Amino acid sequence: SSLPTIRPVSPGMTTDGAMASNDEEPSEDVSSPHQPSPGSVSGLPARFGLNVSMSFVYTVIAGVSSVVMTPLLLHHLGELVYGVWALSLSLAGYLEILEFGFVSACTRLIAQDAGKRPEEVSKTLSTSLVVLSVFGLISLAVGLGIAFGAPSWFHLAPSLRPIATTVIIVMTIGIAISVPGDTFGGGLAAYQRYDLRSLSDILSVVAATGAIFALIELGRGLEAVALAGTIISVILHPIRWAMLRSVDSAIHIGRKFVSRSRLAMMAKMSNWFFLAGVASLISYSADLIILGAVFNVKLVALYAIGGALGGIAQRALAPPAAVLLPEAAALSKDGTKSELATLLVNGTRTTVLLGVPISLVMGILAVGAVRAWVGPGYDQAANVLALFSVYTGLRTVISPLESILIGSGRVRPWAVSMAIQGVVNVGVTLALVWTLGLVGPALGTVVATVLILGPTFAVYGCRVAEISVFSYLRQVVGPHLLPSAVVSTALVLARHLAERGRFQFCVTAVVAVLLYGLIYYLWCATPNERAQLRRMAGRLPLRKQVS
C-alpha cells in the first residue's frame, strides 16, 4: 500500500488548542519544564543512538518478515485472493482515523507530565482509554458496514465476497480494540522510550510471522491469516502497558482517574491532529481503493507488491525522524534557535544517510528487487516501486522538517499543508489512473509531495529554526551528492546483473549500500557524525553479543 507518514505528537500546542508561537508559552503551569536532553552528540538527543538502533533492529526484522512472507502469501493464496488481502488492509486502515486525533493529543499531555507528575499522567491515560473505547465501538460499527458493502462496491467475484467480508470483520475487531490500546504506545513515545516500543513491535512481528508461516504450511486460508494477525496485535497492547509501568511504576489506570478537565484539554487540541490524520489517510491509503474501484484486485495486488518494497526505506526513516520530535519540543521551549537549527540539520543528514542508499537501490534496481522478492511475472510492480523510491528520497528531507514543525508547536501550518497535499494527491491520482493505469496513484503521491509538502515544510521548518532554506539544503544535501553520484552510476552498470537472480540482486544491493556508507564516512561526514555513527553501532545487540 502507499506509505504512511509519521504519526505525530504535538508538544508545542497550548492547552486550549491554539498554537504556541515564539513568544507564547503553553498556558498550563508546568513547574518543572521538560529540559532538552543532556549529553547529546552533534546536537542530537542523548538517547538518539539507543532509540534509533533498536528501531532499526525492528526495521530489519520487519523487512525480513515482509520479504519472506509476501511471496509465500502471494503464491499460496493466488493473485486474486492476495489482492483481496491488500484491499482489506487498506479499507480497515481507514477506521483508525476514528480516534479523532485523541491519541496524539493524549501523547502530548503525557509528555508534559512524564517523570514529574504521575497522577496527572494517570488521569490522561485513564481518560483517554474511556474516550477511545467509545471511539473503538464507533469504528466497530463502521467497519461492519464496510465489511458487508465492500464486496459489491469493488465488484468482487462471488467466490471472493465471503472471504473479503470475513477478513474485514476480523480486522475491524482488532482495530476497535487497538483504538484505545494505542494509548499505551503513545505513552512510551511521550516518555521517549522508543526502544521499548520497538521491542514490543519486534515481539509482535516475530509472533505474527511464525503464526502465518504455520498456517500456510497447514494449508489454511486468508481468514485464518487475518485472525492470527488480529489476535497478536491485540496482545501487543497489554505488553506495552507493562512496559510503560516499568518506566514509571507510579502511574495507574482506573475509573477514579478519569477527568473531565483532561477530556476538555484533549478535545481542544485534537482538531488539527484529526485534520492532518484524515489528509494523511486519504493521501496514503486511497491508492489501493481507487485501483480496486476503477480496475480489479489483480492490479491491487501488483500495486501492493511495489508499495510494500517501497516501504522498506520509509520504515528506515521513521525512527530517527520521530526521535527528533520530543527534543524539538524541549528546545523550542527551553533551548535556543541555534540549537534547534543544529538539531534540524544534523537530524536531516542522518535521515538522508539512512534513506537515500536504500532508495537508490530500490529505484534503480526495481525490476531486480521485484523478481528477487516474488519471482518473475510481476515486473509491472517495478514501476510502482521506482516511483515510491523517489517519494522516499524526498521524505529523507521532509520528515525531519515535519518533526521540527510539530515539536515546536506549528501544528496548524503542518495540518493545513497535509490537507492541501491530500486534495492534490487524490485529484492527481484520479486524473492519472485513467491514462497511466497502475503507476497513476504512485505518481500522484510524488507530484503532491513535490508541489506541496516539500516547499511548505522547508519554508516553515527553516523559519522555526531561523535558518535559510538555501543554507539548510546546502548542509543536508550537499554532502550526499558524491556518494549518490558514485552509487547511482554503479547501480546502473550492475542493473542487468541484479536482474538475473535473487543472489545477484542481494549482493549488488548490499555492496551498493556499504559503498555509499563508506564514501560518506571517509569524505563527507563530520567528526561528530563519525562519533555518533560509532556510538549507534555500539548500541546494536549483535555487536554486544560478538564482543
Protein backbone atom coordinates (compact mmCIF):
# COMPACT_ATOMS: atom_id res chain seq x y z
CA SER A 1 0.00 0.00 0.00
CA SER A 2 1.04 3.63 -0.05
CA LEU A 3 3.45 4.85 2.53
CA PRO A 4 2.23 6.45 5.75
CA THR A 5 3.85 9.46 7.30
CA ILE A 6 5.00 9.56 10.90
CA ARG A 7 2.15 9.58 13.38
CA PRO A 8 2.70 12.96 15.01
CA VAL A 9 2.81 14.22 18.54
CA SER A 10 2.43 17.90 19.31
CA PRO A 11 4.24 19.07 22.43
CA GLY A 12 4.15 22.63 21.17
CA MET A 13 0.42 23.24 21.28
CA THR A 14 -1.13 25.25 24.06
CA THR A 15 -3.67 23.52 26.24
CA ASP A 16 -6.53 25.40 24.70
CA GLY A 17 -5.67 24.04 21.29
CA ALA A 18 -4.07 27.25 20.00
CA MET A 19 -0.59 27.34 18.55
CA ALA A 20 2.36 28.31 20.72
CA SER A 21 4.36 30.92 18.86
CA ASN A 22 7.89 32.06 19.69
CA ASP A 23 6.71 34.47 22.33
CA GLU A 24 3.77 32.43 23.63
CA GLU A 25 4.36 29.63 26.11
CA PRO A 26 1.77 26.94 26.71
CA SER A 27 -0.87 28.13 29.08
CA GLU A 28 -0.60 25.21 31.51
CA ASP A 29 1.55 25.91 34.53
CA VAL A 30 4.44 23.46 34.35
CA SER A 31 6.51 23.83 37.47
CA SER A 32 9.30 21.59 36.20
CA PRO A 33 9.53 22.07 32.45
CA HIS A 34 10.99 19.40 30.28
CA GLN A 35 14.62 20.19 29.54
CA PRO A 36 16.48 19.37 26.36
CA SER A 37 18.25 16.05 26.53
CA PRO A 38 21.63 16.34 28.22
CA GLY A 39 24.72 14.77 26.83
CA SER A 40 23.72 15.00 23.20
CA VAL A 41 26.19 14.40 20.45
CA SER A 42 26.30 16.77 17.49
CA GLY A 43 23.01 18.37 18.52
CA LEU A 44 21.09 15.07 18.59
CA PRO A 45 19.17 13.77 21.64
CA ALA A 46 21.15 11.81 24.23
CA ARG A 47 19.02 8.65 23.74
CA PHE A 48 19.13 9.05 19.98
CA GLY A 49 21.58 6.18 19.45
CA LEU A 50 19.71 3.68 21.62
CA ASN A 51 16.25 4.59 20.34
CA VAL A 52 17.25 4.60 16.68
CA SER A 53 19.39 1.46 16.95
CA MET A 54 16.54 -0.52 18.50
CA SER A 55 14.17 0.90 15.91
CA PHE A 56 16.47 -0.32 13.16
CA VAL A 57 16.64 -3.78 14.67
CA TYR A 58 12.85 -3.81 14.40
CA THR A 59 13.01 -2.39 10.86
CA VAL A 60 15.39 -5.15 9.76
CA ILE A 61 13.28 -7.88 11.36
CA ALA A 62 10.07 -6.45 9.88
CA GLY A 63 11.76 -6.12 6.50
CA VAL A 64 12.97 -9.71 6.55
CA SER A 65 9.50 -10.84 7.59
CA SER A 66 7.92 -8.92 4.72
CA VAL A 67 10.46 -10.20 2.22
CA VAL A 68 9.84 -13.79 3.30
CA MET A 69 6.10 -13.78 3.91
CA THR A 70 4.77 -11.73 0.99
CA PRO A 71 5.89 -14.21 -1.72
CA LEU A 72 4.58 -17.08 0.39
CA LEU A 73 1.18 -15.41 0.76
CA LEU A 74 1.10 -14.38 -2.89
CA HIS A 75 1.84 -17.86 -4.21
CA HIS A 76 -0.21 -19.68 -1.57
CA LEU A 77 -3.31 -17.51 -1.91
CA GLY A 78 -3.02 -16.55 -5.57
CA GLU A 79 -3.11 -13.06 -7.10
CA LEU A 80 -6.84 -12.51 -6.68
CA VAL A 81 -7.06 -13.53 -3.02
CA TYR A 82 -3.85 -11.62 -2.25
CA GLY A 83 -5.47 -8.58 -3.87
CA VAL A 84 -8.44 -9.05 -1.52
CA TRP A 85 -5.97 -9.13 1.38
CA ALA A 86 -4.31 -5.89 0.31
CA LEU A 87 -7.65 -4.20 -0.34
CA SER A 88 -8.99 -5.31 3.05
CA LEU A 89 -5.92 -3.93 4.82
CA SER A 90 -6.40 -0.59 3.09
CA LEU A 91 -10.11 -0.39 3.90
CA ALA A 92 -9.63 -1.40 7.53
CA GLY A 93 -6.86 1.16 7.87
CA TYR A 94 -9.39 3.93 7.37
CA LEU A 95 -11.04 3.00 10.66
CA GLU A 96 -8.01 4.22 12.59
CA ILE A 97 -8.97 7.81 11.80
CA LEU A 98 -11.95 7.35 14.10
CA GLU A 99 -9.72 8.03 17.10
CA PHE A 100 -10.24 11.68 16.02
CA GLY A 101 -6.73 12.83 16.93
CA PHE A 102 -7.09 11.90 20.60
CA VAL A 103 -4.10 9.54 20.65
CA SER A 104 -1.74 12.32 19.57
CA ALA A 105 -3.35 14.78 22.00
CA CYS A 106 -3.01 12.22 24.79
CA THR A 107 0.66 11.70 23.97
CA ARG A 108 1.27 15.44 24.07
CA LEU A 109 -0.31 15.76 27.52
CA ILE A 110 1.61 12.77 28.87
CA ALA A 111 4.85 14.27 27.55
CA GLN A 112 4.20 17.37 29.66
CA ASP A 113 3.97 15.35 32.87
CA ALA A 114 6.20 12.35 32.14
CA GLY A 115 8.55 11.64 35.03
CA LYS A 116 7.27 14.59 37.04
CA ARG A 117 3.57 14.27 37.83
CA PRO A 118 2.46 10.61 37.77
CA GLU A 119 -1.05 11.40 38.98
CA GLU A 120 -1.60 13.70 36.00
CA VAL A 121 -0.25 11.01 33.68
CA SER A 122 -2.68 8.56 35.27
CA LYS A 123 -5.56 10.96 34.63
CA THR A 124 -4.58 11.38 31.00
CA LEU A 125 -4.20 7.64 30.44
CA SER A 126 -7.48 6.73 32.14
CA THR A 127 -9.48 9.47 30.44
CA SER A 128 -8.01 8.60 27.06
CA LEU A 129 -8.88 4.92 27.48
CA VAL A 130 -12.52 5.72 28.30
CA VAL A 131 -12.97 8.15 25.39
CA LEU A 132 -11.13 5.99 22.89
CA SER A 133 -13.13 2.93 23.95
CA VAL A 134 -16.24 4.77 22.78
CA PHE A 135 -14.50 5.63 19.52
CA GLY A 136 -13.49 1.98 19.21
CA LEU A 137 -17.15 0.97 19.32
CA ILE A 138 -17.90 3.53 16.61
CA SER A 139 -15.12 2.10 14.44
CA LEU A 140 -16.55 -1.37 15.01
CA ALA A 141 -19.98 -0.30 13.72
CA VAL A 142 -18.49 1.48 10.70
CA GLY A 143 -16.22 -1.46 9.95
CA LEU A 144 -19.08 -3.92 9.95
CA GLY A 145 -20.88 -1.74 7.43
CA ILE A 146 -17.77 -1.68 5.22
CA ALA A 147 -17.35 -5.45 5.53
CA PHE A 148 -20.79 -6.16 4.10
CA GLY A 149 -20.72 -3.40 1.49
CA ALA A 150 -17.18 -3.64 0.10
CA PRO A 151 -17.64 -6.83 -1.99
CA SER A 152 -20.30 -5.17 -4.12
CA TRP A 153 -18.57 -1.76 -4.16
CA PHE A 154 -15.46 -3.30 -5.72
CA HIS A 155 -17.28 -5.82 -7.93
CA LEU A 156 -15.57 -8.84 -6.43
CA ALA A 157 -16.25 -12.26 -7.89
CA PRO A 158 -18.89 -14.26 -5.97
CA SER A 159 -16.25 -16.70 -4.70
CA LEU A 160 -14.21 -13.83 -3.20
CA ARG A 161 -17.05 -11.97 -1.48
CA PRO A 162 -17.41 -14.10 1.68
CA ILE A 163 -13.62 -14.09 2.08
CA ALA A 164 -13.45 -10.28 1.90
CA THR A 165 -16.35 -9.85 4.33
CA THR A 166 -14.87 -12.22 6.91
CA VAL A 167 -11.38 -10.72 6.69
CA ILE A 168 -12.62 -7.15 7.08
CA ILE A 169 -14.78 -8.12 10.08
CA VAL A 170 -11.80 -9.76 11.79
CA MET A 171 -9.59 -6.72 11.09
CA THR A 172 -12.33 -4.38 12.29
CA ILE A 173 -12.50 -6.13 15.66
CA GLY A 174 -8.73 -5.77 16.02
CA ILE A 175 -8.82 -2.08 15.18
CA ALA A 176 -11.75 -1.44 17.53
CA ILE A 177 -9.56 -2.78 20.36
CA SER A 178 -6.42 -1.03 19.12
CA VAL A 179 -8.02 2.42 19.06
CA PRO A 180 -7.96 2.68 22.88
CA GLY A 181 -4.93 0.39 23.13
CA ASP A 182 -2.78 2.82 21.15
CA THR A 183 -2.76 5.00 24.26
CA PHE A 184 0.00 2.82 25.73
CA GLY A 185 2.21 3.11 22.65
CA GLY A 186 1.72 6.87 22.78
CA GLY A 187 2.73 6.82 26.43
CA LEU A 188 6.03 5.11 25.61
CA ALA A 189 6.68 7.77 22.98
CA ALA A 190 5.89 10.53 25.49
CA TYR A 191 8.49 9.07 27.87
CA GLN A 192 10.90 8.90 24.90
CA ARG A 193 11.16 5.12 25.21
CA TYR A 194 11.13 4.29 21.52
CA ASP A 195 13.48 1.43 22.36
CA LEU A 196 10.78 -0.34 24.38
CA ARG A 197 8.14 0.38 21.78
CA SER A 198 10.42 -1.13 19.14
CA LEU A 199 10.95 -4.19 21.35
CA SER A 200 7.18 -4.71 21.57
CA ASP A 201 6.94 -4.36 17.79
CA ILE A 202 9.70 -6.95 17.35
CA LEU A 203 7.80 -9.43 19.53
CA SER A 204 4.64 -8.79 17.52
CA VAL A 205 6.34 -9.25 14.13
CA VAL A 206 8.13 -12.44 15.16
CA ALA A 207 4.94 -13.94 16.59
CA ALA A 208 2.84 -12.95 13.56
CA THR A 209 5.41 -14.25 11.10
CA GLY A 210 5.63 -17.59 12.86
CA ALA A 211 1.85 -17.93 13.10
CA ILE A 212 1.24 -17.05 9.44
CA PHE A 213 4.00 -19.39 8.26
CA ALA A 214 2.46 -22.23 10.27
CA LEU A 215 -0.99 -21.51 8.85
CA ILE A 216 0.36 -21.55 5.30
CA GLU A 217 2.10 -24.86 5.94
CA LEU A 218 -1.21 -26.24 7.24
CA GLY A 219 -2.98 -25.04 4.10
CA ARG A 220 -5.22 -22.52 5.88
CA GLY A 221 -6.90 -19.68 4.03
CA LEU A 222 -6.89 -15.90 4.26
CA GLU A 223 -9.46 -15.84 7.07
CA ALA A 224 -7.12 -17.76 9.39
CA VAL A 225 -4.21 -15.49 8.50
CA ALA A 226 -6.27 -12.40 9.34
CA LEU A 227 -7.43 -13.91 12.64
CA ALA A 228 -3.88 -14.76 13.72
CA GLY A 229 -2.63 -11.27 12.92
CA THR A 230 -5.51 -9.66 14.80
CA ILE A 231 -5.01 -11.76 17.94
CA ILE A 232 -1.31 -10.94 18.06
CA SER A 233 -1.93 -7.21 17.52
CA VAL A 234 -4.41 -7.18 20.41
CA ILE A 235 -1.95 -8.95 22.75
CA LEU A 236 0.58 -6.20 21.96
CA HIS A 237 -1.31 -3.57 23.99
CA PRO A 238 -1.07 -5.14 27.47
CA ILE A 239 2.61 -5.78 26.76
CA ARG A 240 3.09 -2.07 26.09
CA TRP A 241 1.17 -1.21 29.25
CA ALA A 242 3.52 -3.42 31.27
CA MET A 243 6.49 -1.69 29.65
CA LEU A 244 5.05 1.72 30.45
CA ARG A 245 4.59 0.70 34.08
CA SER A 246 8.21 -0.47 34.20
CA VAL A 247 9.27 3.01 33.09
CA ASP A 248 7.13 4.77 35.71
CA SER A 249 5.65 2.49 38.38
CA ALA A 250 3.78 5.41 39.93
CA ILE A 251 1.24 5.64 37.11
CA HIS A 252 -2.09 3.80 37.21
CA ILE A 253 -5.32 3.45 35.27
CA GLY A 254 -8.76 3.35 36.85
CA ARG A 255 -12.16 4.98 36.98
CA LYS A 256 -11.15 7.35 39.78
CA PHE A 257 -8.55 8.94 37.49
CA VAL A 258 -11.00 9.80 34.71
CA SER A 259 -11.02 13.60 34.48
CA ARG A 260 -13.37 15.95 32.67
CA SER A 261 -10.69 18.64 32.59
CA ARG A 262 -8.29 16.26 30.87
CA LEU A 263 -11.00 15.34 28.40
CA ALA A 264 -11.51 19.02 27.60
CA MET A 265 -7.79 19.52 27.04
CA MET A 266 -7.54 16.57 24.66
CA ALA A 267 -10.69 17.56 22.80
CA LYS A 268 -9.47 21.11 22.21
CA MET A 269 -6.08 20.13 20.88
CA SER A 270 -7.14 17.11 18.81
CA ASN A 271 -8.71 19.15 15.98
CA TRP A 272 -5.56 19.79 13.98
CA PHE A 273 -4.31 16.26 14.53
CA PHE A 274 -7.60 14.93 13.23
CA LEU A 275 -7.43 17.15 10.12
CA ALA A 276 -3.89 16.02 9.36
CA GLY A 277 -4.78 12.42 10.10
CA VAL A 278 -7.68 12.47 7.66
CA ALA A 279 -5.49 14.08 5.00
CA SER A 280 -2.69 11.57 5.57
CA LEU A 281 -5.05 8.62 5.47
CA ILE A 282 -6.71 9.82 2.27
CA SER A 283 -3.36 10.56 0.65
CA TYR A 284 -1.54 7.38 1.54
CA SER A 285 -4.32 4.80 1.74
CA ALA A 286 -6.61 5.73 -1.13
CA ASP A 287 -4.44 4.32 -3.91
CA LEU A 288 -5.46 0.68 -3.50
CA ILE A 289 -9.12 1.60 -3.11
CA ILE A 290 -9.05 3.74 -6.28
CA LEU A 291 -7.34 0.95 -8.24
CA GLY A 292 -9.80 -1.61 -6.91
CA ALA A 293 -12.79 0.55 -7.82
CA VAL A 294 -11.53 1.52 -11.28
CA PHE A 295 -9.85 -1.74 -12.34
CA ASN A 296 -9.61 -5.04 -10.45
CA VAL A 297 -7.98 -6.75 -7.49
CA LYS A 298 -5.17 -8.13 -9.66
CA LEU A 299 -3.84 -4.59 -10.17
CA VAL A 300 -4.33 -4.01 -6.45
CA ALA A 301 -2.03 -6.97 -5.78
CA LEU A 302 0.64 -5.65 -8.18
CA TYR A 303 0.47 -2.20 -6.64
CA ALA A 304 0.70 -3.64 -3.13
CA ILE A 305 3.88 -5.51 -4.09
CA GLY A 306 5.59 -2.33 -5.29
CA GLY A 307 4.31 -0.35 -2.31
CA ALA A 308 5.46 -2.93 0.22
CA LEU A 309 9.01 -2.94 -1.17
CA GLY A 310 9.00 0.85 -1.24
CA GLY A 311 8.04 0.81 2.43
CA ILE A 312 11.41 -0.67 3.43
CA ALA A 313 13.23 2.65 3.09
CA GLN A 314 10.27 4.53 4.53
CA ARG A 315 10.41 2.40 7.68
CA ALA A 316 14.11 3.19 7.97
CA LEU A 317 13.31 6.92 8.02
CA ALA A 318 10.58 6.84 10.64
CA PRO A 319 12.67 6.11 13.79
CA PRO A 320 15.27 8.92 13.57
CA ALA A 321 12.70 11.48 12.44
CA ALA A 322 10.28 10.54 15.24
CA VAL A 323 13.02 10.71 17.87
CA LEU A 324 13.72 14.31 16.84
CA LEU A 325 10.20 15.42 17.76
CA PRO A 326 10.33 15.49 21.60
CA GLU A 327 13.78 17.07 21.52
CA ALA A 328 12.45 19.78 19.21
CA ALA A 329 9.64 20.38 21.70
CA ALA A 330 12.12 20.79 24.54
CA LEU A 331 14.41 23.10 22.55
CA SER A 332 11.54 25.26 21.33
CA LYS A 333 10.65 25.95 24.98
CA ASP A 334 13.97 25.90 26.84
CA GLY A 335 16.66 25.94 24.18
CA THR A 336 17.98 28.43 21.63
CA LYS A 337 17.26 28.83 17.93
CA SER A 338 20.82 27.80 17.10
CA GLU A 339 20.31 24.52 18.97
CA LEU A 340 17.06 23.92 17.10
CA ALA A 341 18.80 24.63 13.78
CA THR A 342 21.59 22.21 14.71
CA LEU A 343 19.03 19.54 15.56
CA LEU A 344 17.25 20.07 12.23
CA VAL A 345 20.42 19.97 10.13
CA ASN A 346 22.07 17.01 11.83
CA GLY A 347 18.82 15.10 12.11
CA THR A 348 18.18 15.53 8.39
CA ARG A 349 21.70 14.47 7.48
CA THR A 350 21.06 11.29 9.44
CA THR A 351 17.76 10.50 7.72
CA VAL A 352 19.29 11.21 4.31
CA LEU A 353 22.19 8.87 5.11
CA LEU A 354 19.80 6.12 6.12
CA GLY A 355 17.17 6.57 3.41
CA VAL A 356 18.93 7.58 0.20
CA PRO A 357 21.08 4.44 -0.30
CA ILE A 358 18.04 2.18 0.03
CA SER A 359 16.01 4.48 -2.24
CA LEU A 360 18.71 4.33 -4.91
CA VAL A 361 18.88 0.54 -4.73
CA MET A 362 15.11 0.07 -4.87
CA GLY A 363 14.64 2.70 -7.57
CA ILE A 364 17.40 1.75 -9.99
CA LEU A 365 17.19 -1.99 -9.36
CA ALA A 366 13.38 -2.03 -9.17
CA VAL A 367 12.93 -4.91 -11.63
CA GLY A 368 15.60 -6.97 -9.91
CA ALA A 369 14.06 -6.23 -6.50
CA VAL A 370 10.60 -7.40 -7.55
CA ARG A 371 11.93 -10.55 -9.22
CA ALA A 372 14.12 -11.35 -6.23
CA TRP A 373 11.16 -10.95 -3.92
CA VAL A 374 8.17 -12.57 -5.60
CA GLY A 375 9.69 -14.15 -8.70
CA PRO A 376 9.07 -13.49 -12.41
CA GLY A 377 5.75 -12.34 -13.82
CA TYR A 378 5.28 -9.25 -11.66
CA ASP A 379 7.56 -6.75 -13.44
CA GLN A 380 4.74 -4.18 -13.64
CA ALA A 381 5.14 -3.66 -9.89
CA ALA A 382 8.69 -2.39 -10.55
CA ASN A 383 7.35 0.88 -11.97
CA VAL A 384 5.38 1.45 -8.77
CA LEU A 385 8.46 0.65 -6.69
CA ALA A 386 10.61 3.09 -8.69
CA LEU A 387 8.15 5.94 -8.07
CA PHE A 388 7.87 5.11 -4.37
CA SER A 389 11.67 5.20 -4.19
CA VAL A 390 11.58 8.77 -5.49
CA TYR A 391 8.98 9.59 -2.85
CA THR A 392 11.14 8.06 -0.12
CA GLY A 393 14.13 10.07 -1.31
CA LEU A 394 12.07 13.24 -0.91
CA ARG A 395 10.92 12.09 2.51
CA THR A 396 14.51 11.91 3.78
CA VAL A 397 14.45 15.71 3.85
CA ILE A 398 10.74 16.29 4.53
CA SER A 399 10.32 14.01 7.57
CA PRO A 400 12.77 15.85 9.88
CA LEU A 401 11.19 19.17 8.87
CA GLU A 402 7.83 17.68 9.79
CA SER A 403 9.11 16.65 13.23
CA ILE A 404 10.55 20.10 13.89
CA LEU A 405 7.27 21.76 12.88
CA ILE A 406 5.15 19.55 15.13
CA GLY A 407 7.60 19.56 18.03
CA SER A 408 7.87 23.36 18.03
CA GLY A 409 4.09 23.71 18.08
CA ARG A 410 3.43 24.69 14.45
CA VAL A 411 0.72 22.10 14.09
CA ARG A 412 -1.66 24.40 12.24
CA PRO A 413 0.52 25.02 9.13
CA TRP A 414 1.54 21.37 9.19
CA ALA A 415 -2.08 20.19 9.28
CA VAL A 416 -3.22 22.64 6.60
CA SER A 417 -0.31 21.63 4.35
CA MET A 418 -1.22 17.97 4.82
CA ALA A 419 -4.84 18.73 3.94
CA ILE A 420 -3.91 20.59 0.75
CA GLN A 421 -1.49 17.83 -0.17
CA GLY A 422 -4.22 15.26 0.34
CA VAL A 423 -6.58 17.06 -2.04
CA VAL A 424 -3.86 17.43 -4.67
CA ASN A 425 -2.75 13.82 -4.25
CA VAL A 426 -6.21 12.36 -4.72
CA GLY A 427 -7.03 14.77 -7.56
CA VAL A 428 -3.86 13.95 -9.50
CA THR A 429 -4.33 10.24 -8.78
CA LEU A 430 -7.87 10.24 -10.15
CA ALA A 431 -6.70 12.12 -13.25
CA LEU A 432 -3.70 9.88 -13.91
CA VAL A 433 -5.17 6.48 -13.09
CA TRP A 434 -7.39 6.57 -16.18
CA THR A 435 -4.48 7.36 -18.51
CA LEU A 436 -1.46 5.72 -16.84
CA GLY A 437 -3.17 2.86 -15.04
CA LEU A 438 -1.12 1.14 -12.35
CA VAL A 439 1.51 3.86 -11.85
CA GLY A 440 -1.00 6.73 -11.70
CA PRO A 441 -1.57 6.66 -7.90
CA ALA A 442 2.17 6.43 -7.12
CA LEU A 443 2.92 9.33 -9.46
CA GLY A 444 0.14 11.31 -7.79
CA THR A 445 1.87 10.84 -4.43
CA VAL A 446 5.18 12.08 -5.83
CA VAL A 447 3.61 15.09 -7.56
CA ALA A 448 1.71 16.20 -4.44
CA THR A 449 4.85 15.83 -2.32
CA VAL A 450 6.95 17.92 -4.70
CA LEU A 451 4.34 20.63 -5.17
CA ILE A 452 3.01 20.95 -1.61
CA LEU A 453 4.86 19.23 1.22
CA GLY A 454 8.42 19.91 0.09
CA PRO A 455 8.14 23.70 -0.35
CA THR A 456 5.81 24.39 2.59
CA PHE A 457 7.65 22.23 5.13
CA ALA A 458 11.00 23.65 4.03
CA VAL A 459 9.82 27.24 4.41
CA TYR A 460 8.03 26.79 7.72
CA GLY A 461 10.57 24.39 9.23
CA CYS A 462 13.53 26.61 8.38
CA ARG A 463 11.63 29.65 9.64
CA VAL A 464 11.09 27.95 13.01
CA ALA A 465 14.80 27.08 13.28
CA GLU A 466 15.81 30.52 11.93
CA ILE A 467 17.96 29.09 9.17
CA SER A 468 17.68 29.93 5.48
CA VAL A 469 16.31 27.30 3.15
CA PHE A 470 19.41 27.59 0.98
CA SER A 471 21.76 27.06 3.93
CA TYR A 472 19.70 24.12 5.15
CA LEU A 473 19.67 22.37 1.77
CA ARG A 474 23.36 23.09 1.25
CA GLN A 475 24.25 21.43 4.56
CA VAL A 476 21.97 18.42 4.26
CA VAL A 477 22.01 17.68 0.52
CA GLY A 478 25.50 18.79 -0.47
CA PRO A 479 27.44 16.11 1.49
CA HIS A 480 25.39 13.36 -0.16
CA LEU A 481 25.97 14.38 -3.78
CA LEU A 482 29.27 12.49 -4.14
CA PRO A 483 28.14 9.13 -2.70
CA SER A 484 24.80 9.40 -4.54
CA ALA A 485 26.53 10.01 -7.89
CA VAL A 486 29.02 7.17 -7.45
CA VAL A 487 26.48 4.62 -6.21
CA SER A 488 23.89 5.58 -8.86
CA THR A 489 26.45 5.05 -11.62
CA ALA A 490 27.49 1.70 -10.16
CA LEU A 491 23.86 0.55 -9.85
CA VAL A 492 23.04 1.48 -13.45
CA LEU A 493 26.04 -0.54 -14.63
CA ALA A 494 25.10 -3.50 -12.42
CA ARG A 495 21.36 -3.42 -13.16
CA HIS A 496 21.29 -6.32 -15.60
CA LEU A 497 23.38 -8.45 -13.26
CA ALA A 498 20.96 -7.77 -10.38
CA GLU A 499 18.01 -8.91 -12.54
CA ARG A 500 19.46 -12.39 -13.11
CA GLY A 501 18.55 -13.84 -9.72
CA ARG A 502 17.92 -13.33 -6.04
CA PHE A 503 21.53 -13.90 -5.02
CA GLN A 504 22.86 -11.43 -7.59
CA PHE A 505 20.37 -8.78 -6.50
CA CYS A 506 21.13 -9.18 -2.80
CA VAL A 507 24.88 -8.98 -3.33
CA THR A 508 24.55 -5.91 -5.56
CA ALA A 509 22.23 -4.17 -3.08
CA VAL A 510 24.44 -4.85 -0.06
CA VAL A 511 27.59 -3.72 -1.88
CA ALA A 512 25.85 -0.53 -3.03
CA VAL A 513 24.65 0.39 0.46
CA LEU A 514 28.06 -0.34 2.00
CA LEU A 515 29.80 1.65 -0.75
CA TYR A 516 27.53 4.63 -0.09
CA GLY A 517 28.20 4.49 3.64
CA LEU A 518 31.95 4.11 3.15
CA ILE A 519 32.22 7.08 0.77
CA TYR A 520 30.15 9.24 3.08
CA TYR A 521 32.08 8.19 6.19
CA LEU A 522 35.52 8.79 4.63
CA TRP A 523 34.96 12.01 2.70
CA CYS A 524 31.64 13.64 3.61
CA ALA A 525 30.88 13.03 7.29
CA THR A 526 31.83 15.49 10.01
CA PRO A 527 33.91 14.32 13.01
CA ASN A 528 30.82 14.50 15.22
CA GLU A 529 28.87 12.37 12.74
CA ARG A 530 31.61 9.75 12.77
CA ALA A 531 31.46 9.67 16.56
CA GLN A 532 27.67 9.36 16.50
CA LEU A 533 27.79 6.53 13.96
CA ARG A 534 30.29 4.66 16.14
CA ARG A 535 28.05 5.13 19.15
CA MET A 536 24.96 3.92 17.29
CA ALA A 537 26.84 0.86 16.02
CA GLY A 538 27.94 0.12 19.58
CA ARG A 539 24.30 0.03 20.70
CA LEU A 540 23.36 -2.80 18.35
CA PRO A 541 22.68 -6.09 20.16
CA LEU A 542 24.65 -8.08 17.58
CA ARG A 543 27.83 -6.22 18.37
CA LYS A 544 27.33 -6.73 22.10
CA GLN A 545 26.87 -10.46 21.61
CA VAL A 546 30.01 -10.74 19.49
CA SER A 547 32.07 -8.79 21.95
